[in-house]
């Protein structure tokens, strides 16, 4: 990576934090209003985690015996499951009578609340990674779903980080294995040993970038009214220029190229809902997983690790403890969840009931969530997995 590219990365991080002035809140519809537009009355619940974070959980009631919990990836929110309207997974499941729940994790647009911390003032609010999401957020979400439905277990569909946190949960809080029937892992992220350039190059520079971010006191990425987000929403929908700069130039090189499924006309909708916020520390934790070649807790350095873990190295998550059923759905064109990395995960998990390489050869990381033809090349497999693994209506 040359100096210009490094400076650009730093500017992106900085722009993702600095506030734009006199910019109104976005006009995009929230989950409740989106559901209403497609004929469903959605319910909203506020959850408070054990460590005080306030999260919004959404519910589209159905008649399914086993509730289906949808968990989004990093820099995303529950809106991603409904942004494609009638072609979205949340609506497709609801149309078939499933009881659908869409969770949110700390730091995104539905997770910027806390009983005592102010996300705009208190750096402590942002001192989390996917570990805390799996250890605190996910149990609170699952328990809320089970308490409201009187079900014994949930079926889950997770995308990217949305399945990573289930592995953390099962390893760190093994009693929750009994509360999950099936995890359908879309574009699974756990190991990142084989990520290609340009992302691998940025990962190599991540320790330096993280130190710069700490020096600049940048704990939050992609704050709602940051300069980056405001620019993103204005630039990207511009015909030809915006699509080329935002999607072809920056998104596809990381996730895999597929302009057939993320078409130009959809970008105006996409930028209203993605990206959503998370912590700088969370992103760096994923970079550590890639650099160390281990699915482990956050590495604070030898001395601090001894204090936190009573070990000079961060503790690895015990994937052998993940006893609930897992279905791994992968794409050959996915630049983040590579086939080689999923192969490592598949070997480590003790109860993989299905491994599916999606037949569509151009399937990239985003097609699992936002592809315009998901109903043809993806949803039938999800419905089939739910029905075969006791998630049947």
Protein backbone atom coordinates (compact mmCIF):
# COMPACT_ATOMS: atom_id res chain seq x y z
CA UNK A 1 0.00 0.00 0.00
CA UNK A 2 1.51 3.39 -0.97
CA UNK A 3 1.46 6.56 1.15
CA UNK A 4 -1.51 7.98 -0.73
CA UNK A 5 -3.60 4.88 -0.06
CA UNK A 6 -2.70 4.90 3.65
CA UNK A 7 -3.63 8.57 3.96
CA UNK A 8 -6.93 7.85 2.18
CA UNK A 9 -7.70 5.08 4.70
CA UNK A 10 -6.98 7.46 7.58
CA UNK A 11 -9.21 10.12 6.04
CA UNK A 12 -12.04 7.61 5.65
CA UNK A 13 -11.77 6.65 9.32
CA UNK A 14 -11.65 10.31 10.35
CA UNK A 15 -14.56 11.26 8.10
CA UNK A 16 -16.58 8.41 9.55
CA UNK A 17 -16.41 10.14 12.93
CA UNK A 18 -16.42 13.90 12.37
CA UNK A 19 -19.85 15.48 12.38
CA UNK A 20 -21.20 17.42 9.42
CA UNK A 21 -22.77 20.73 10.35
CA UNK A 22 -26.40 21.68 9.81
CA UNK A 23 -27.26 18.33 8.24
CA UNK A 24 -30.76 16.99 9.06
CA UNK A 25 -31.39 13.41 10.11
CA UNK A 26 -31.75 10.98 7.24
CA UNK A 27 -35.11 10.57 5.58
CA UNK A 28 -35.00 6.80 5.31
CA UNK A 29 -37.85 4.83 6.82
CA UNK A 30 -37.17 2.78 9.93
CA UNK A 31 -37.97 -0.92 10.28
CA UNK A 32 -41.52 -0.31 11.52
CA UNK A 33 -42.44 1.95 8.60
CA UNK A 34 -40.73 -0.28 6.07
CA UNK A 35 -42.74 -3.27 7.30
CA UNK A 36 -45.95 -1.21 7.10
CA UNK A 37 -45.18 -0.33 3.49
CA UNK A 38 -45.21 -4.04 2.67
CA UNK A 39 -48.40 -4.80 4.56
CA UNK A 40 -47.10 -5.88 7.98
CA UNK A 41 -47.54 -4.42 11.44
CA UNK A 42 -44.18 -4.77 13.17
CA UNK A 43 -43.60 -4.50 16.89
CA UNK A 44 -40.65 -2.81 18.57
CA UNK A 45 -39.04 -3.81 21.87
CA UNK A 46 -36.29 -2.10 23.81
CA UNK A 47 -33.80 -4.47 25.41
CA UNK A 48 -31.32 -3.55 28.14
CA UNK A 49 -28.26 -5.80 28.29
CA UNK A 50 -26.52 -6.92 31.46
CA UNK A 51 -23.91 -4.20 30.96
CA UNK A 52 -26.43 -1.44 30.30
CA UNK A 53 -26.71 -1.08 26.52
CA UNK A 54 -30.15 -0.31 25.08
CA UNK A 55 -30.99 -2.17 21.88
CA UNK A 56 -34.07 -2.15 19.63
CA UNK A 57 -35.56 -5.49 18.60
CA UNK A 58 -38.23 -5.76 15.89
CA UNK A 59 -40.90 -8.41 15.46
CA UNK A 60 -43.21 -9.33 12.59
CA UNK A 61 -45.68 -11.73 14.25
CA UNK A 62 -46.39 -15.05 12.60
CA UNK A 63 -47.76 -18.49 13.33
CA UNK A 64 -44.49 -20.40 13.17
CA UNK A 65 -43.80 -22.74 16.06
CA UNK A 66 -40.13 -21.78 16.25
CA UNK A 67 -39.29 -18.04 16.08
CA UNK A 68 -36.73 -17.03 13.47
CA UNK A 69 -34.13 -14.52 14.63
CA UNK A 70 -32.26 -12.48 12.01
CA UNK A 71 -28.87 -11.02 13.01
CA UNK A 72 -27.06 -8.50 10.83
CA UNK A 73 -23.35 -8.06 10.13
CA UNK A 74 -20.86 -5.33 11.02
CA UNK A 75 -21.78 -1.76 10.03
CA UNK A 76 -25.34 -2.92 9.46
CA UNK A 77 -28.71 -3.03 11.21
CA UNK A 78 -32.04 -4.86 11.21
CA UNK A 79 -33.10 -2.67 8.25
CA UNK A 80 -30.92 -4.77 5.96
CA UNK A 81 -33.39 -7.68 6.23
CA UNK A 82 -36.24 -5.57 4.85
CA UNK A 83 -34.61 -2.91 2.63
CA UNK A 84 -35.39 -4.84 -0.58
CA UNK A 85 -39.09 -4.74 0.21
CA UNK A 86 -41.04 -7.73 -1.05
CA UNK A 87 -37.75 -9.26 -2.21
CA UNK A 88 -36.30 -9.14 1.35
CA UNK A 89 -35.83 -12.15 3.62
CA UNK A 90 -37.91 -10.72 6.48
CA UNK A 91 -40.90 -10.26 4.17
CA UNK A 92 -40.36 -13.60 2.41
CA UNK A 93 -40.43 -15.40 5.78
CA UNK A 94 -43.40 -13.40 7.02
CA UNK A 95 -45.30 -14.19 3.81
CA UNK A 96 -44.85 -17.87 4.65
CA UNK A 97 -46.15 -17.42 8.17
CA UNK A 98 -42.88 -17.48 10.08
CA UNK A 99 -42.58 -15.57 13.35
CA UNK A 100 -39.80 -13.14 12.43
CA UNK A 101 -37.52 -11.24 14.80
CA UNK A 102 -34.78 -8.83 13.69
CA UNK A 103 -32.09 -7.97 16.21
CA UNK A 104 -29.64 -5.09 16.51
CA UNK A 105 -26.27 -4.86 18.20
CA UNK A 106 -24.66 -2.06 20.16
CA UNK A 107 -23.29 0.87 18.20
CA UNK A 108 -25.60 0.88 15.19
CA UNK A 109 -28.52 3.25 14.60
CA UNK A 110 -30.77 1.13 16.86
CA UNK A 111 -28.09 0.55 19.49
CA UNK A 112 -26.78 3.97 20.57
CA UNK A 113 -28.45 3.96 23.98
CA UNK A 114 -27.14 3.14 27.44
CA UNK A 115 -28.42 3.43 31.00
CA UNK A 116 -25.58 5.75 31.98
CA UNK A 117 -23.13 6.31 29.10
CA UNK A 118 -23.51 8.94 26.39
CA UNK A 119 -22.20 7.65 23.02
CA UNK A 120 -21.35 11.20 21.95
CA UNK A 121 -19.35 12.00 25.09
CA UNK A 122 -18.18 8.80 26.77
CA UNK A 123 -15.39 6.84 25.11
CA UNK A 124 -16.26 3.89 27.34
CA UNK A 125 -19.45 3.37 25.33
CA UNK A 126 -17.33 2.34 22.31
CA UNK A 127 -14.99 -0.01 24.17
CA UNK A 128 -16.57 -3.11 22.66
CA UNK A 129 -16.03 -5.66 19.92
CA UNK A 130 -17.95 -8.62 18.58
CA UNK A 131 -17.08 -10.34 21.88
CA UNK A 132 -19.41 -8.09 23.89
CA UNK A 133 -22.06 -8.37 21.18
CA UNK A 134 -21.95 -12.16 21.48
CA UNK A 135 -21.61 -12.22 25.26
CA UNK A 136 -24.17 -9.56 26.20
CA UNK A 137 -26.31 -8.44 23.25
CA UNK A 138 -27.19 -11.80 21.76
CA UNK A 139 -28.26 -13.47 25.05
CA UNK A 140 -30.51 -10.50 25.84
CA UNK A 141 -32.08 -10.71 22.39
CA UNK A 142 -32.60 -14.47 22.51
CA UNK A 143 -34.08 -14.37 26.01
CA UNK A 144 -36.50 -11.62 24.98
CA UNK A 145 -37.66 -13.61 21.95
CA UNK A 146 -38.16 -16.79 24.00
CA UNK A 147 -39.95 -14.95 26.80
CA UNK A 148 -42.41 -13.33 24.40
CA UNK A 149 -43.08 -16.45 22.36
CA UNK A 150 -42.90 -19.12 25.09
CA UNK A 151 -40.77 -21.13 22.66
CA UNK A 152 -37.92 -23.31 23.87
CA UNK A 153 -35.49 -22.41 21.11
CA UNK A 154 -34.94 -20.00 18.23
CA UNK A 155 -33.91 -20.68 14.68
CA UNK A 156 -31.41 -18.05 13.56
CA UNK A 157 -30.16 -16.58 10.31
CA UNK A 158 -26.94 -14.62 10.65
CA UNK A 159 -24.98 -12.73 8.03
CA UNK A 160 -21.22 -12.23 8.38
CA UNK A 161 -20.65 -10.89 11.94
CA UNK A 162 -24.25 -11.93 12.56
CA UNK A 163 -23.05 -15.53 12.81
CA UNK A 164 -19.64 -14.75 14.36
CA UNK A 165 -21.43 -13.62 17.52
CA UNK A 166 -23.23 -16.97 17.80
CA UNK A 167 -19.87 -18.75 17.97
CA UNK A 168 -18.79 -16.35 20.73
CA UNK A 169 -22.04 -16.99 22.58
CA UNK A 170 -21.81 -20.77 22.41
CA UNK A 171 -18.17 -20.73 23.49
CA UNK A 172 -18.34 -18.14 26.26
CA UNK A 173 -21.85 -18.93 27.52
CA UNK A 174 -22.38 -22.61 26.64
CA UNK A 175 -25.77 -22.74 28.37
CA UNK A 176 -27.17 -20.85 25.37
CA UNK A 177 -26.47 -23.79 23.07
CA UNK A 178 -29.74 -25.20 24.33
CA UNK A 179 -31.64 -22.09 23.25
CA UNK A 180 -30.64 -22.25 19.58
CA UNK A 181 -32.03 -24.94 17.32
CA UNK A 182 -30.37 -24.04 14.02
CA UNK A 183 -28.05 -21.29 12.83
CA UNK A 184 -28.16 -20.62 9.10
CA UNK A 185 -24.82 -18.88 8.59
CA UNK A 186 -24.88 -16.71 5.48
CA UNK A 187 -21.39 -15.71 4.29
CA UNK A 188 -19.89 -16.99 7.57
CA UNK A 189 -17.11 -14.95 9.13
CA UNK A 190 -14.95 -16.59 11.76
CA UNK A 191 -11.49 -17.15 10.29
CA UNK A 192 -9.92 -14.52 8.01
CA UNK A 193 -6.71 -16.27 7.04
CA UNK A 194 -7.28 -16.09 3.28
CA UNK A 195 -8.73 -12.65 2.63
CA UNK A 196 -7.41 -11.32 -0.70
CA UNK A 197 -6.19 -7.79 -1.54
CA UNK A 198 -7.02 -4.99 -1.21
CA UNK A 199 -8.51 -5.80 2.19
CA UNK A 200 -5.55 -7.98 3.20
CA UNK A 201 -3.24 -5.03 2.57
CA UNK A 202 -5.30 -2.78 4.84
CA UNK A 203 -5.32 -5.52 7.49
CA UNK A 204 -1.52 -5.60 7.39
CA UNK A 205 -1.52 -1.86 8.16
CA UNK A 206 -4.29 -2.06 10.76
CA UNK A 207 -2.07 -1.82 13.89
CA UNK A 208 -0.76 1.53 12.65
CA UNK A 209 -4.23 2.73 11.64
CA UNK A 210 -5.67 1.69 15.01
CA UNK A 211 -2.95 3.60 16.87
CA UNK A 212 -3.69 6.68 14.77
CA UNK A 213 -7.40 6.34 15.51
CA UNK A 214 -6.71 6.10 19.25
CA UNK A 215 -4.43 9.14 19.09
CA UNK A 216 -7.21 11.10 17.38
CA UNK A 217 -9.77 9.79 19.90
CA UNK A 218 -11.83 8.13 17.16
CA UNK A 219 -13.90 5.43 18.83
CA UNK A 220 -16.93 5.40 16.51
CA UNK A 221 -17.08 4.58 12.81
CA UNK A 222 -19.85 5.77 10.46
CA UNK A 223 -21.74 8.00 12.87
CA UNK A 224 -25.11 8.94 11.42
CA UNK A 225 -24.36 12.58 10.59
CA UNK A 226 -20.64 12.27 9.96
CA UNK A 227 -19.04 13.92 6.96
CA UNK A 228 -18.43 10.52 5.41
CA UNK A 229 -22.04 9.34 5.71
CA UNK A 230 -23.47 12.63 4.44
CA UNK A 231 -21.08 12.56 1.48
CA UNK A 232 -21.81 8.86 0.87
CA UNK A 233 -25.54 9.52 0.66
CA UNK A 234 -25.15 12.46 -1.67
CA UNK A 235 -22.45 11.09 -3.95
CA UNK A 236 -23.29 7.42 -4.42
CA UNK A 237 -26.78 7.80 -5.98
CA UNK A 238 -25.42 10.08 -8.72
CA UNK A 239 -25.80 8.13 -11.99
CA UNK A 240 -22.60 6.62 -13.37
CA UNK A 241 -20.20 8.77 -11.32
CA UNK A 242 -21.59 7.77 -7.92
CA UNK A 243 -21.97 4.08 -8.72
CA UNK A 244 -18.46 3.97 -10.14
CA UNK A 245 -16.87 5.76 -7.18
CA UNK A 246 -18.80 4.09 -4.36
CA UNK A 247 -19.70 0.59 -5.51
CA UNK A 248 -17.34 -0.34 -8.34
CA UNK A 249 -14.40 1.52 -6.82
CA UNK A 250 -14.74 0.78 -3.11
CA UNK A 251 -17.38 -1.82 -2.23
CA UNK A 252 -16.94 -4.51 -4.89
CA UNK A 253 -13.13 -4.75 -4.54
CA UNK A 254 -13.73 -5.90 -0.96
CA UNK A 255 -16.89 -8.02 -1.19
CA UNK A 256 -16.67 -9.33 -4.77
CA UNK A 257 -17.98 -7.88 -8.04
CA UNK A 258 -21.63 -8.41 -8.95
CA UNK A 259 -23.32 -5.45 -10.61
CA UNK A 260 -26.21 -7.67 -11.71
CA UNK A 261 -27.53 -8.06 -8.16
CA UNK A 262 -26.64 -4.62 -6.79
CA UNK A 263 -27.92 -2.50 -9.63
CA UNK A 264 -27.56 1.26 -10.05
CA UNK A 265 -31.22 1.97 -9.24
CA UNK A 266 -30.93 0.32 -5.82
CA UNK A 267 -28.07 2.49 -4.57
CA UNK A 268 -30.33 5.35 -3.49
CA UNK A 269 -32.07 2.92 -1.14
CA UNK A 270 -28.85 1.21 -0.05
CA UNK A 271 -27.12 4.38 1.15
CA UNK A 272 -30.07 5.22 3.42
CA UNK A 273 -29.47 2.07 5.48
CA UNK A 274 -25.83 1.11 5.02
CA UNK A 275 -23.38 1.58 6.61
CA UNK A 276 -24.54 1.92 10.20
CA UNK A 277 -22.23 2.56 13.09
CA UNK A 278 -19.89 0.39 15.13
CA UNK A 279 -16.71 0.83 17.14
CA UNK A 280 -13.19 1.23 15.82
CA UNK A 281 -12.16 -1.43 18.34
CA UNK A 282 -14.60 -3.93 16.81
CA UNK A 283 -13.15 -3.50 13.34
CA UNK A 284 -9.63 -3.88 14.72
CA UNK A 285 -10.63 -7.07 16.55
CA UNK A 286 -11.53 -8.64 13.20
CA UNK A 287 -8.17 -7.45 11.83
CA UNK A 288 -6.45 -9.18 14.78
CA UNK A 289 -8.27 -12.42 13.97
CA UNK A 290 -6.89 -12.15 10.44
CA UNK A 291 -3.34 -11.30 11.51
CA UNK A 292 -3.10 -13.95 14.23
CA UNK A 293 -4.86 -16.67 12.25
CA UNK A 294 -6.88 -17.48 15.36
CA UNK A 295 -10.48 -16.93 16.37
CA UNK A 296 -9.63 -15.38 19.72
CA UNK A 297 -10.56 -12.60 22.09
CA UNK A 298 -9.19 -9.07 21.73
CA UNK A 299 -5.41 -8.80 22.02
CA UNK A 300 -4.47 -5.98 24.42
CA UNK A 301 -0.76 -6.77 24.38
CA UNK A 302 1.23 -9.12 26.60
CA UNK A 303 1.09 -7.14 29.84
CA UNK A 304 -2.56 -6.16 29.60
CA UNK A 305 -3.54 -9.67 28.51
CA UNK A 306 -2.05 -11.02 31.74
CA UNK A 307 -4.34 -8.70 33.68
CA UNK A 308 -7.45 -9.33 31.60
CA UNK A 309 -7.05 -13.04 30.76
CA UNK A 310 -4.33 -14.21 33.16
CA UNK A 311 -2.51 -15.21 29.99
CA UNK A 312 0.06 -13.46 27.82
CA UNK A 313 -2.03 -14.25 24.72
CA UNK A 314 -5.77 -13.71 24.22
CA UNK A 315 -7.93 -16.76 24.82
CA UNK A 316 -9.20 -18.63 21.79
CA UNK A 317 -12.90 -19.33 21.47
CA UNK A 318 -13.73 -23.01 21.80
CA UNK A 319 -15.60 -23.80 18.59
CA UNK A 320 -15.94 -27.38 19.78
CA UNK A 321 -18.45 -26.00 22.30
CA UNK A 322 -20.86 -24.90 19.54
CA UNK A 323 -23.29 -27.78 19.86
CA UNK A 324 -26.35 -26.35 18.10
CA UNK A 325 -26.91 -27.18 14.43
CA UNK A 326 -25.19 -24.99 11.86
CA UNK A 327 -25.86 -24.67 8.13
CA UNK A 328 -23.05 -22.90 6.26
CA UNK A 329 -24.10 -21.04 3.08
CA UNK A 330 -21.18 -19.67 1.06
CA UNK A 331 -20.53 -17.81 -2.18
CA UNK A 332 -17.69 -18.54 -4.59
CA UNK A 333 -17.22 -14.82 -5.31
CA UNK A 334 -17.21 -13.67 -1.67
CA UNK A 335 -14.11 -11.60 -0.89
CA UNK A 336 -14.73 -11.55 2.87
CA UNK A 337 -16.00 -15.03 3.62
CA UNK A 338 -13.67 -17.04 1.40
CA UNK A 339 -14.19 -20.71 0.67
CA UNK A 340 -10.83 -21.56 2.26
CA UNK A 341 -11.69 -19.77 5.51
CA UNK A 342 -15.13 -21.34 5.70
CA UNK A 343 -13.47 -24.72 5.18
CA UNK A 344 -11.48 -24.13 8.38
CA UNK A 345 -14.65 -23.19 10.23
CA UNK A 346 -16.48 -26.22 8.87
CA UNK A 347 -13.75 -28.49 10.15
CA UNK A 348 -13.80 -26.95 13.64
CA UNK A 349 -17.56 -26.92 14.21
CA UNK A 350 -18.92 -30.20 15.65
CA UNK A 351 -22.48 -30.06 14.31
CA UNK A 352 -22.56 -28.78 10.72
CA UNK A 353 -25.77 -30.20 9.27
CA UNK A 354 -25.42 -28.55 5.86
CA UNK A 355 -22.73 -26.97 3.72
CA UNK A 356 -24.02 -25.19 0.64
CA UNK A 357 -22.00 -23.47 -2.05
CA UNK A 358 -24.64 -21.30 -3.70
CA UNK A 359 -24.84 -22.37 -7.37
CA UNK A 360 -24.79 -18.76 -8.56
CA UNK A 361 -21.10 -18.30 -9.40
CA UNK A 362 -21.08 -14.50 -8.93
CA UNK A 363 -22.51 -14.74 -5.39
CA UNK A 364 -20.66 -12.14 -3.30
CA UNK A 365 -20.84 -11.05 0.33
CA UNK A 366 -23.74 -8.62 -0.13
CA UNK A 367 -25.86 -10.81 -2.41
CA UNK A 368 -26.92 -12.84 0.66
CA UNK A 369 -28.66 -9.72 1.99
CA UNK A 370 -29.37 -7.29 -0.78
CA UNK A 371 -29.29 -9.10 -4.11
CA UNK A 372 -32.36 -8.26 -6.16
CA UNK A 373 -33.01 -11.91 -7.09
CA UNK A 374 -32.44 -13.53 -3.69
CA UNK A 375 -35.89 -15.04 -3.91
CA UNK A 376 -34.66 -17.25 -6.74
CA UNK A 377 -31.12 -18.26 -5.80
CA UNK A 378 -31.13 -18.08 -1.98
CA UNK A 379 -34.48 -18.07 -0.18
CA UNK A 380 -35.55 -21.56 -1.31
CA UNK A 381 -32.46 -22.98 0.41
CA UNK A 382 -33.16 -21.03 3.61
CA UNK A 383 -36.78 -22.18 3.74
CA UNK A 384 -35.74 -25.75 3.04
CA UNK A 385 -33.15 -25.68 5.84
CA UNK A 386 -35.69 -24.32 8.32
CA UNK A 387 -38.21 -26.98 7.41
CA UNK A 388 -35.75 -29.87 7.46
CA UNK A 389 -34.31 -28.87 10.84
CA UNK A 390 -37.52 -28.61 12.84
CA UNK A 391 -38.17 -25.00 11.96
CA UNK A 392 -41.23 -26.17 10.03
CA UNK A 393 -44.53 -24.34 10.49
